[in-house]
N, C-alpha and C. Protein backbone atom coordinates (compact mmCIF):
# COMPACT_ATOMS: atom_id res chain seq x y z
N MET A 1 0.78 -1.18 0.01
CA MET A 1 -0.05 -0.10 -0.08
C MET A 1 0.95 1.25 -0.05
N THR A 2 0.34 2.32 -0.89
CA THR A 2 1.31 3.46 -0.95
C THR A 2 0.31 4.68 -0.58
N VAL A 3 0.79 5.55 0.14
CA VAL A 3 0.09 6.82 0.17
C VAL A 3 0.74 7.78 -1.04
N LEU A 4 -0.47 8.07 -1.73
CA LEU A 4 -0.36 8.99 -2.94
C LEU A 4 -0.57 10.67 -2.88
N LYS A 5 -1.25 10.84 -2.00
CA LYS A 5 -1.45 12.28 -1.28
C LYS A 5 -2.22 12.38 -0.11
N THR A 6 -1.99 13.46 0.62
CA THR A 6 -2.70 13.53 1.82
C THR A 6 -2.92 15.07 1.67
N TYR A 7 -4.39 15.41 2.31
CA TYR A 7 -4.75 16.77 2.32
C TYR A 7 -5.00 17.06 3.83
N ALA A 8 -4.95 18.59 3.91
CA ALA A 8 -5.28 19.23 5.05
C ALA A 8 -6.74 19.59 4.81
N ARG A 9 -7.45 19.40 5.95
CA ARG A 9 -8.68 19.52 5.75
C ARG A 9 -9.35 21.10 6.57
N LEU A 10 -10.11 21.93 5.95
CA LEU A 10 -10.54 23.08 6.15
C LEU A 10 -11.85 23.24 5.83
N TRP A 11 -12.58 24.12 6.62
CA TRP A 11 -14.10 24.06 6.73
C TRP A 11 -14.69 25.42 6.51
N PRO A 12 -14.58 25.85 5.49
CA PRO A 12 -15.49 26.98 4.84
C PRO A 12 -16.94 26.72 4.96
N THR A 13 -17.55 28.06 5.13
CA THR A 13 -19.19 27.67 4.58
C THR A 13 -19.59 27.82 3.37
N GLU A 14 -18.64 28.53 2.57
CA GLU A 14 -19.13 28.97 1.55
C GLU A 14 -17.69 28.55 0.41
N LEU A 15 -17.96 27.60 -0.37
CA LEU A 15 -16.82 27.20 -1.27
C LEU A 15 -16.34 28.19 -2.23
N ASP A 16 -17.20 28.95 -2.86
CA ASP A 16 -16.77 30.03 -3.77
C ASP A 16 -16.11 31.09 -3.32
N LEU A 17 -16.53 31.42 -1.75
CA LEU A 17 -15.50 32.65 -1.17
C LEU A 17 -14.14 32.07 -0.77
N ALA A 18 -14.07 30.96 -0.55
CA ALA A 18 -12.79 30.33 0.06
C ALA A 18 -11.82 29.93 -1.39
N LEU A 19 -12.43 29.53 -2.35
CA LEU A 19 -11.38 29.02 -3.59
C LEU A 19 -10.47 30.02 -4.13
N PRO A 20 -10.66 31.20 -4.38
CA PRO A 20 -9.66 32.31 -4.66
C PRO A 20 -8.51 32.41 -3.87
N LEU A 21 -8.76 32.50 -2.51
CA LEU A 21 -7.56 32.23 -1.71
C LEU A 21 -6.55 31.23 -1.96
N PHE A 22 -7.10 29.87 -1.97
CA PHE A 22 -6.31 28.92 -1.81
C PHE A 22 -5.83 28.80 -3.35
N THR A 23 -6.24 28.93 -4.24
CA THR A 23 -5.86 29.13 -5.61
C THR A 23 -4.60 29.88 -5.85
N GLU A 24 -4.71 30.92 -5.31
CA GLU A 24 -3.63 31.90 -5.09
C GLU A 24 -2.68 31.43 -4.25
N LEU A 25 -2.83 30.98 -3.06
CA LEU A 25 -1.81 30.55 -2.34
C LEU A 25 -0.70 29.71 -2.63
N THR A 26 -1.80 28.46 -3.40
CA THR A 26 -0.96 27.34 -3.71
C THR A 26 -0.44 27.53 -5.34
N GLY A 27 -0.76 28.42 -5.96
CA GLY A 27 -0.45 28.61 -7.34
C GLY A 27 -1.04 27.46 -8.32
N ARG A 28 -2.31 26.86 -7.82
CA ARG A 28 -2.68 25.63 -8.71
C ARG A 28 -4.17 25.94 -8.76
N PRO A 29 -4.71 25.35 -9.69
CA PRO A 29 -6.27 25.46 -10.15
C PRO A 29 -6.74 24.28 -9.11
N VAL A 30 -8.15 24.56 -9.11
CA VAL A 30 -8.97 23.52 -8.65
C VAL A 30 -8.82 22.30 -9.12
N ASP A 31 -8.33 21.15 -8.46
CA ASP A 31 -8.21 19.83 -8.85
C ASP A 31 -9.39 19.09 -8.85
N LEU A 32 -10.53 19.18 -8.16
CA LEU A 32 -11.53 18.32 -7.90
C LEU A 32 -12.67 19.11 -7.07
N ARG A 33 -13.69 19.21 -7.76
CA ARG A 33 -14.88 19.94 -6.91
C ARG A 33 -16.14 19.04 -7.38
N VAL A 34 -16.56 18.41 -6.33
CA VAL A 34 -17.91 17.44 -5.87
C VAL A 34 -19.04 17.93 -5.23
N ALA A 35 -20.10 17.59 -5.09
CA ALA A 35 -21.02 17.46 -4.19
C ALA A 35 -21.09 16.27 -3.50
N PHE A 36 -21.33 16.25 -2.02
CA PHE A 36 -21.33 15.34 -0.83
C PHE A 36 -22.40 15.31 -0.01
N GLY A 37 -23.74 15.26 -0.48
CA GLY A 37 -24.59 15.38 0.59
C GLY A 37 -24.99 17.00 0.50
N ASP A 38 -25.10 17.45 1.79
CA ASP A 38 -25.20 18.87 1.78
C ASP A 38 -23.92 19.65 1.81
N LEU A 39 -22.97 18.77 1.74
CA LEU A 39 -21.48 19.40 1.50
C LEU A 39 -21.08 19.54 0.31
N GLU A 40 -19.99 20.44 0.01
CA GLU A 40 -19.43 20.49 -1.52
C GLU A 40 -17.81 20.67 -1.09
N LEU A 41 -17.28 19.53 -1.77
CA LEU A 41 -15.79 19.37 -1.39
C LEU A 41 -14.93 19.90 -2.74
N ALA A 42 -13.84 20.43 -2.39
CA ALA A 42 -12.95 20.72 -3.47
C ALA A 42 -11.49 20.65 -3.08
N THR A 43 -10.59 20.22 -3.99
CA THR A 43 -9.05 20.23 -3.55
C THR A 43 -8.44 21.22 -4.66
N VAL A 44 -7.38 21.86 -3.66
CA VAL A 44 -6.51 23.05 -4.23
C VAL A 44 -5.19 22.28 -3.58
N GLY A 45 -4.14 22.07 -4.65
CA GLY A 45 -2.85 21.66 -3.92
C GLY A 45 -3.09 20.81 -3.12
N ASP A 46 -2.62 21.14 -1.88
CA ASP A 46 -2.90 19.98 -0.56
C ASP A 46 -3.63 20.14 0.36
N PHE A 47 -4.71 21.24 -0.06
CA PHE A 47 -5.75 21.42 0.77
C PHE A 47 -7.27 20.66 0.47
N LEU A 48 -8.06 20.26 1.25
CA LEU A 48 -9.17 19.96 0.93
C LEU A 48 -10.42 20.69 1.67
N LEU A 49 -11.20 21.37 0.84
CA LEU A 49 -11.96 22.26 1.48
C LEU A 49 -13.29 21.77 1.51
N ILE A 50 -14.02 21.57 2.45
CA ILE A 50 -15.36 20.92 2.90
C ILE A 50 -16.17 22.19 3.18
N ALA A 51 -17.00 22.50 2.27
CA ALA A 51 -17.93 23.65 2.67
C ALA A 51 -19.15 23.29 2.73
N GLY A 52 -20.04 24.04 3.62
CA GLY A 52 -21.49 23.78 3.85
C GLY A 52 -21.94 24.12 5.25
N PRO A 53 -23.08 23.91 5.55
CA PRO A 53 -23.35 24.50 6.95
C PRO A 53 -22.65 23.68 7.92
N PRO A 54 -22.47 24.40 9.04
CA PRO A 54 -21.71 23.66 10.38
C PRO A 54 -22.19 22.26 10.64
N GLU A 55 -23.55 22.36 10.68
CA GLU A 55 -24.33 20.89 11.09
C GLU A 55 -24.04 19.92 10.35
N ALA A 56 -23.93 20.28 8.86
CA ALA A 56 -23.41 19.18 8.08
C ALA A 56 -22.14 18.74 7.91
N GLN A 57 -21.12 19.57 8.45
CA GLN A 57 -19.81 19.40 8.59
C GLN A 57 -19.38 18.54 9.81
N LEU A 58 -20.25 19.06 10.96
CA LEU A 58 -20.10 18.11 12.27
C LEU A 58 -19.42 16.81 12.15
N PRO A 59 -20.32 15.60 11.62
CA PRO A 59 -19.96 14.36 11.72
C PRO A 59 -18.43 14.08 10.96
N PHE A 60 -17.89 15.06 10.36
CA PHE A 60 -16.77 14.65 9.63
C PHE A 60 -15.47 15.41 10.36
N ARG A 61 -15.50 16.31 11.33
CA ARG A 61 -14.66 17.14 11.63
C ARG A 61 -13.72 16.30 12.57
N ARG A 62 -13.80 15.28 13.10
CA ARG A 62 -12.95 14.49 13.96
C ARG A 62 -11.81 14.22 12.93
N GLN A 63 -12.06 13.87 11.85
CA GLN A 63 -10.83 13.49 11.02
C GLN A 63 -10.03 14.62 10.50
N THR A 64 -8.91 14.63 11.14
CA THR A 64 -7.84 15.67 10.48
C THR A 64 -6.95 15.76 9.34
N ALA A 65 -7.22 14.65 8.55
CA ALA A 65 -6.74 14.47 7.33
C ALA A 65 -7.14 13.50 6.62
N THR A 66 -7.11 13.96 5.00
CA THR A 66 -7.68 12.94 4.04
C THR A 66 -6.41 12.29 3.61
N VAL A 67 -6.43 10.86 3.66
CA VAL A 67 -4.96 10.19 3.09
C VAL A 67 -5.33 9.34 1.91
N VAL A 68 -5.05 9.77 0.67
CA VAL A 68 -5.30 8.91 -0.51
C VAL A 68 -4.44 7.75 -0.72
N VAL A 69 -4.72 6.64 -1.02
CA VAL A 69 -4.11 5.34 -1.21
C VAL A 69 -4.42 4.85 -2.29
N ASP A 70 -3.49 3.97 -2.74
CA ASP A 70 -3.50 3.03 -4.00
C ASP A 70 -4.29 1.81 -3.78
N ASP A 71 -4.42 1.23 -2.63
CA ASP A 71 -5.06 0.15 -2.10
C ASP A 71 -5.96 0.08 -0.81
N LEU A 72 -7.23 0.41 -1.06
CA LEU A 72 -7.87 0.64 0.59
C LEU A 72 -7.65 -0.74 1.32
N ASP A 73 -8.00 -1.87 0.67
CA ASP A 73 -7.68 -3.03 1.24
C ASP A 73 -6.53 -3.18 1.99
N ALA A 74 -5.31 -2.82 1.52
CA ALA A 74 -4.46 -2.99 2.15
C ALA A 74 -4.13 -1.88 3.23
N ALA A 75 -4.68 -0.68 2.98
CA ALA A 75 -4.62 0.50 3.89
C ALA A 75 -5.27 -0.29 5.27
N ARG A 76 -6.48 -0.75 5.08
CA ARG A 76 -7.28 -1.07 6.36
C ARG A 76 -6.41 -2.39 6.85
N ALA A 77 -5.84 -3.25 6.17
CA ALA A 77 -5.17 -4.01 6.98
C ALA A 77 -3.71 -3.60 7.62
N THR A 78 -3.03 -2.66 7.18
CA THR A 78 -2.19 -1.85 7.81
C THR A 78 -2.38 -1.22 8.96
N LEU A 79 -3.62 -0.42 8.82
CA LEU A 79 -4.46 0.06 9.87
C LEU A 79 -4.64 -0.80 11.17
N ILE A 80 -5.30 -1.85 10.91
CA ILE A 80 -5.64 -2.81 11.91
C ILE A 80 -4.25 -3.27 12.57
N ASP A 81 -3.43 -3.77 11.74
CA ASP A 81 -2.09 -4.34 12.44
C ASP A 81 -1.40 -3.30 13.44
N HIS A 82 -1.80 -2.12 13.24
CA HIS A 82 -1.03 -1.01 14.12
C HIS A 82 -2.24 -0.77 15.42
N GLY A 83 -3.25 -1.28 15.38
CA GLY A 83 -4.05 -0.96 16.38
C GLY A 83 -5.13 -0.07 16.01
N ALA A 84 -5.36 0.23 14.80
CA ALA A 84 -6.56 1.42 14.60
C ALA A 84 -7.99 0.41 14.63
N SER A 85 -8.78 1.16 14.89
CA SER A 85 -10.36 0.73 14.73
C SER A 85 -10.95 1.38 13.69
N GLU A 86 -11.77 0.70 12.85
CA GLU A 86 -12.40 1.39 11.89
C GLU A 86 -13.74 1.98 12.52
N LEU A 87 -13.91 3.17 12.29
CA LEU A 87 -15.12 4.09 12.28
C LEU A 87 -16.47 3.60 11.51
N THR A 88 -15.86 3.37 10.47
CA THR A 88 -17.29 3.16 9.39
C THR A 88 -16.75 1.87 8.52
N GLU A 89 -17.72 1.23 8.19
CA GLU A 89 -17.46 0.03 6.84
C GLU A 89 -16.88 0.95 5.73
N GLU A 90 -16.34 0.27 4.84
CA GLU A 90 -16.12 0.54 3.68
C GLU A 90 -17.27 1.67 2.69
N LEU A 91 -17.26 2.65 2.44
CA LEU A 91 -18.23 3.30 1.58
C LEU A 91 -17.91 3.87 0.29
N THR A 92 -18.55 4.20 -0.44
CA THR A 92 -18.35 4.76 -1.58
C THR A 92 -18.83 5.99 -1.87
N GLY A 93 -18.20 6.83 -2.72
CA GLY A 93 -18.62 8.20 -2.85
C GLY A 93 -18.15 8.80 -4.25
N PRO A 94 -18.46 9.98 -4.55
CA PRO A 94 -18.11 10.42 -6.05
C PRO A 94 -16.87 10.12 -6.50
N THR A 95 -16.00 10.12 -5.28
CA THR A 95 -14.42 9.84 -5.69
C THR A 95 -13.83 8.54 -5.49
N GLY A 96 -14.49 7.45 -5.37
CA GLY A 96 -14.09 6.17 -5.03
C GLY A 96 -14.44 5.74 -3.51
N ARG A 97 -13.80 4.63 -3.17
CA ARG A 97 -14.10 4.13 -2.05
C ARG A 97 -13.27 4.65 -0.76
N TYR A 98 -13.82 4.87 0.42
CA TYR A 98 -13.14 5.31 1.47
C TYR A 98 -13.99 4.75 2.71
N LEU A 99 -12.95 4.93 3.79
CA LEU A 99 -13.30 4.54 4.95
C LEU A 99 -12.79 5.67 6.26
N PHE A 100 -13.36 5.79 7.49
CA PHE A 100 -13.10 6.48 8.20
C PHE A 100 -12.24 5.83 9.45
N ALA A 101 -10.98 5.73 10.16
CA ALA A 101 -10.30 5.01 11.03
C ALA A 101 -9.87 5.87 12.38
N ARG A 102 -9.97 5.28 13.29
CA ARG A 102 -9.45 5.82 14.62
C ARG A 102 -7.87 5.12 14.64
N HIS A 103 -7.00 5.85 14.84
CA HIS A 103 -5.98 5.31 14.74
C HIS A 103 -5.36 4.64 16.57
N ALA A 104 -4.37 3.89 16.71
CA ALA A 104 -3.92 3.81 18.04
C ALA A 104 -4.03 4.61 19.01
N ASP A 105 -3.36 5.80 18.56
CA ASP A 105 -3.13 7.14 19.66
C ASP A 105 -4.49 7.90 19.63
N GLY A 106 -5.63 7.72 18.81
CA GLY A 106 -6.80 8.48 19.14
C GLY A 106 -7.02 9.43 17.96
N SER A 107 -6.03 9.67 16.90
CA SER A 107 -6.34 10.55 15.97
C SER A 107 -6.94 9.95 14.98
N GLU A 108 -7.88 10.36 14.18
CA GLU A 108 -8.53 9.81 12.94
C GLU A 108 -8.47 10.54 12.02
N ALA A 109 -8.54 9.82 10.90
CA ALA A 109 -8.43 10.25 9.32
C ALA A 109 -9.24 9.57 8.42
N GLU A 110 -9.43 9.87 7.37
CA GLU A 110 -10.13 9.50 6.30
C GLU A 110 -9.16 8.58 5.35
N TYR A 111 -9.65 7.53 4.80
CA TYR A 111 -8.59 6.79 3.95
C TYR A 111 -9.32 6.53 2.53
N VAL A 112 -8.92 7.02 1.35
CA VAL A 112 -9.56 6.96 -0.01
C VAL A 112 -9.02 6.29 -0.88
N GLU A 113 -9.43 5.43 -1.56
CA GLU A 113 -9.01 4.78 -2.91
C GLU A 113 -9.78 5.75 -4.08
N TRP A 114 -9.13 6.31 -4.80
CA TRP A 114 -9.83 7.28 -5.85
C TRP A 114 -10.07 6.44 -6.90
N THR A 115 -10.94 6.33 -7.64
CA THR A 115 -11.30 5.89 -9.03
C THR A 115 -10.38 6.24 -10.03
N PRO A 116 -10.01 5.34 -10.88
CA PRO A 116 -8.92 5.42 -11.97
C PRO A 116 -8.99 6.92 -12.48
N GLU A 117 -10.13 7.07 -12.85
CA GLU A 117 -10.60 8.47 -13.53
C GLU A 117 -10.30 9.89 -12.81
N ILE A 118 -10.58 9.65 -11.43
CA ILE A 118 -9.95 10.86 -10.42
C ILE A 118 -8.50 11.02 -10.23
N ARG A 119 -7.94 9.60 -10.27
CA ARG A 119 -6.61 9.49 -9.84
C ARG A 119 -5.92 10.05 -10.78
N ALA A 120 -6.26 9.76 -12.12
CA ALA A 120 -5.69 10.30 -13.25
C ALA A 120 -5.70 11.87 -13.48
N ARG A 121 -6.84 12.44 -13.14
CA ARG A 121 -7.28 13.80 -13.31
C ARG A 121 -6.22 14.59 -12.40
N VAL A 122 -6.18 13.80 -11.07
CA VAL A 122 -5.58 14.89 -10.03
C VAL A 122 -4.13 14.55 -10.05
N LEU A 123 -3.68 13.00 -10.22
CA LEU A 123 -2.14 12.76 -10.37
C LEU A 123 -1.44 12.69 -11.45
N GLY A 124 -2.21 12.74 -12.54
CA GLY A 124 -1.65 12.43 -14.04
C GLY A 124 -1.54 11.16 -14.02
N ALA A 125 -0.95 10.87 -15.24
CA ALA A 125 -0.61 9.16 -15.83
C ALA A 125 0.15 8.74 -14.53
N ALA A 126 -0.16 7.43 -14.44
CA ALA A 126 0.52 6.24 -13.39
C ALA A 126 2.00 6.08 -13.87
C-alpha cells in the first residue's frame, strides 16, 4: 500500500468565497470539486475544502486529514495491524471507496482509494 497524497482539511461555509485564496496561495487550479450530501468538496494543492453548513460538517470534523491510497484493502489491513479501529465500514462516494479510522493514538483520518478517472485527473498518468 502506498500513500499517494494527503490533504489538510479546512471548513469554509461557502466554497466560492474560499477558493480564490487557496488557488492563489498554492498557485494551482482546483483539482476536484464534487457534491457530497449537503456539503461541497474541492481540492486545491494539498488542501481539501469541505464547505457547507456547520451542522453538515460536524460528523466529519474529527478526521484531521484525508489520506489517498492506492489500495484501500491493504490500507485497512495496515491500520488494523497497528491497532486502529474502523469507525465506518467501507463506503463509496463520488471519488471512490473510503473509510474513516481511529488510530491507536486516538487521531482520526479518512482513507480514500480514488477511482481511476479521479486518480488520473488529479495525479496524472501512473
